[in-house]
């Protein structure tokens, strides 16, 4: 399973890095790994997570 999250307008790099790190840690505790991160020209970020251990169907 893949899940996308958006971090809203955060123009300062240090603050953006802290928000990305915080969200990545929260999602890791739920079993998701950060696989991609894109910072937009509008000072937002798009994070893509993948569930680490998907159950077979």
N, C-alpha and C. Protein backbone atom coordinates (compact mmCIF):
# COMPACT_ATOMS: atom_id res chain seq x y z
N UNK A 1 0.84 -1.16 0.00
CA UNK A 1 0.00 0.00 0.00
C UNK A 1 0.89 1.24 0.00
N UNK A 2 0.53 2.23 -0.79
CA UNK A 2 1.26 3.49 -0.87
C UNK A 2 0.37 4.58 -0.31
N UNK A 3 0.96 5.52 0.42
CA UNK A 3 0.21 6.62 1.01
C UNK A 3 0.97 7.92 0.76
N UNK A 4 0.26 8.97 0.35
CA UNK A 4 0.88 10.27 0.11
C UNK A 4 0.41 11.27 1.16
N UNK A 5 1.31 12.14 1.55
CA UNK A 5 1.00 13.19 2.52
C UNK A 5 1.57 14.50 2.00
N UNK A 6 0.92 15.61 2.34
CA UNK A 6 1.39 16.93 1.94
C UNK A 6 1.72 17.73 3.19
N UNK A 7 2.88 18.35 3.17
CA UNK A 7 3.25 19.31 4.21
C UNK A 7 3.03 20.68 3.60
N UNK A 8 2.21 21.47 4.25
CA UNK A 8 1.85 22.78 3.71
C UNK A 8 2.99 23.79 3.72
N UNK A 9 2.68 24.98 3.27
CA UNK A 9 3.63 26.08 3.10
C UNK A 9 4.58 26.20 4.29
N UNK A 10 5.85 25.97 4.02
CA UNK A 10 6.91 26.07 5.03
C UNK A 10 8.15 26.63 4.32
N UNK A 11 8.31 27.96 4.31
CA UNK A 11 9.37 28.57 3.50
C UNK A 11 10.79 28.42 4.03
N UNK A 12 10.96 28.08 5.30
CA UNK A 12 12.31 27.96 5.85
C UNK A 12 12.77 26.50 5.82
N UNK A 13 13.96 26.28 5.28
CA UNK A 13 14.48 24.92 5.07
C UNK A 13 14.58 24.12 6.36
N UNK A 14 15.07 24.73 7.42
CA UNK A 14 15.21 24.00 8.70
C UNK A 14 13.86 23.54 9.22
N UNK A 15 12.84 24.40 9.10
CA UNK A 15 11.50 24.04 9.55
C UNK A 15 10.92 22.93 8.68
N UNK A 16 11.15 23.01 7.38
CA UNK A 16 10.66 21.98 6.46
C UNK A 16 11.32 20.64 6.79
N UNK A 17 12.62 20.65 7.01
CA UNK A 17 13.33 19.41 7.35
C UNK A 17 12.80 18.81 8.64
N UNK A 18 12.53 19.65 9.63
CA UNK A 18 12.01 19.16 10.90
C UNK A 18 10.62 18.54 10.72
N UNK A 19 9.77 19.17 9.91
CA UNK A 19 8.43 18.63 9.66
C UNK A 19 8.49 17.30 8.92
N UNK A 20 9.39 17.21 7.93
CA UNK A 20 9.53 15.96 7.18
C UNK A 20 10.03 14.85 8.11
N UNK A 21 11.03 15.16 8.92
CA UNK A 21 11.57 14.17 9.85
C UNK A 21 10.51 13.71 10.84
N UNK A 22 9.73 14.64 11.37
CA UNK A 22 8.69 14.30 12.34
C UNK A 22 7.64 13.38 11.71
N UNK A 23 7.19 13.74 10.50
CA UNK A 23 6.16 12.93 9.84
C UNK A 23 6.70 11.56 9.45
N UNK A 24 7.94 11.50 9.00
CA UNK A 24 8.55 10.22 8.63
C UNK A 24 8.66 9.30 9.85
N UNK A 25 9.00 9.87 10.99
CA UNK A 25 9.09 9.09 12.23
C UNK A 25 7.72 8.58 12.65
N UNK A 26 6.71 9.45 12.59
CA UNK A 26 5.34 9.04 12.94
C UNK A 26 4.86 7.89 12.04
N UNK A 27 5.12 8.02 10.76
CA UNK A 27 4.67 6.99 9.82
C UNK A 27 5.46 5.69 9.99
N UNK A 28 6.74 5.79 10.34
CA UNK A 28 7.56 4.59 10.57
C UNK A 28 6.98 3.78 11.73
N UNK A 29 6.48 4.47 12.74
CA UNK A 29 5.88 3.78 13.88
C UNK A 29 4.60 3.05 13.47
N UNK A 30 3.98 3.49 12.38
CA UNK A 30 2.77 2.84 11.86
C UNK A 30 3.10 1.79 10.80
N UNK A 31 4.40 1.59 10.53
CA UNK A 31 4.81 0.56 9.58
C UNK A 31 4.99 1.03 8.16
N UNK A 32 5.14 2.34 7.95
CA UNK A 32 5.34 2.89 6.61
C UNK A 32 6.74 3.46 6.49
N UNK A 33 7.37 3.25 5.33
CA UNK A 33 8.71 3.78 5.05
C UNK A 33 8.58 4.93 4.05
N UNK A 34 9.34 5.99 4.27
CA UNK A 34 9.37 7.12 3.34
C UNK A 34 10.17 6.68 2.11
N UNK A 35 9.53 6.72 0.93
CA UNK A 35 10.23 6.29 -0.29
C UNK A 35 10.52 7.44 -1.24
N UNK A 36 9.84 8.58 -1.05
CA UNK A 36 10.08 9.72 -1.93
C UNK A 36 9.63 11.00 -1.25
N UNK A 37 10.34 12.07 -1.55
CA UNK A 37 9.99 13.38 -1.02
C UNK A 37 10.29 14.42 -2.08
N UNK A 38 9.31 15.26 -2.39
CA UNK A 38 9.51 16.34 -3.36
C UNK A 38 9.11 17.65 -2.71
N UNK A 39 9.97 18.65 -2.81
CA UNK A 39 9.65 19.98 -2.32
C UNK A 39 9.23 20.81 -3.52
N UNK A 40 8.08 21.45 -3.41
CA UNK A 40 7.53 22.20 -4.53
C UNK A 40 8.02 23.65 -4.52
N UNK A 41 7.90 24.34 -5.65
CA UNK A 41 8.27 25.77 -5.69
C UNK A 41 7.41 26.62 -4.75
N UNK A 42 6.27 26.11 -4.35
CA UNK A 42 5.38 26.83 -3.44
C UNK A 42 5.74 26.57 -1.97
N UNK A 43 6.93 26.04 -1.71
CA UNK A 43 7.43 25.77 -0.36
C UNK A 43 6.57 24.76 0.40
N UNK A 44 6.02 23.80 -0.31
CA UNK A 44 5.30 22.68 0.28
C UNK A 44 6.10 21.42 -0.03
N UNK A 45 5.71 20.32 0.59
CA UNK A 45 6.40 19.06 0.32
C UNK A 45 5.37 17.95 0.13
N UNK A 46 5.69 17.03 -0.75
CA UNK A 46 4.87 15.85 -0.97
C UNK A 46 5.70 14.64 -0.54
N UNK A 47 5.18 13.90 0.42
CA UNK A 47 5.87 12.72 0.94
C UNK A 47 5.13 11.47 0.48
N UNK A 48 5.87 10.49 0.01
CA UNK A 48 5.27 9.22 -0.42
C UNK A 48 5.81 8.12 0.49
N UNK A 49 4.90 7.39 1.08
CA UNK A 49 5.24 6.30 2.00
C UNK A 49 4.75 4.98 1.42
N UNK A 50 5.47 3.90 1.76
CA UNK A 50 5.04 2.55 1.38
C UNK A 50 4.98 1.71 2.64
N UNK A 51 3.93 0.92 2.75
CA UNK A 51 3.80 0.03 3.89
C UNK A 51 4.92 -1.00 3.82
N UNK A 52 5.67 -1.16 4.90
CA UNK A 52 6.86 -2.01 4.88
C UNK A 52 6.54 -3.49 4.75
N UNK A 53 5.52 -3.95 5.41
CA UNK A 53 5.20 -5.38 5.39
C UNK A 53 3.74 -5.57 5.03
N UNK A 54 3.46 -5.56 3.73
CA UNK A 54 2.09 -5.76 3.28
C UNK A 54 1.71 -7.23 3.44
N UNK A 55 0.48 -7.44 3.86
CA UNK A 55 0.01 -8.81 4.02
C UNK A 55 -0.43 -9.35 2.66
N UNK A 56 -0.12 -10.60 2.40
CA UNK A 56 -0.53 -11.24 1.15
C UNK A 56 -2.04 -11.42 1.14
N UNK A 57 -2.64 -11.22 -0.04
CA UNK A 57 -4.09 -11.35 -0.14
C UNK A 57 -4.47 -12.67 -0.75
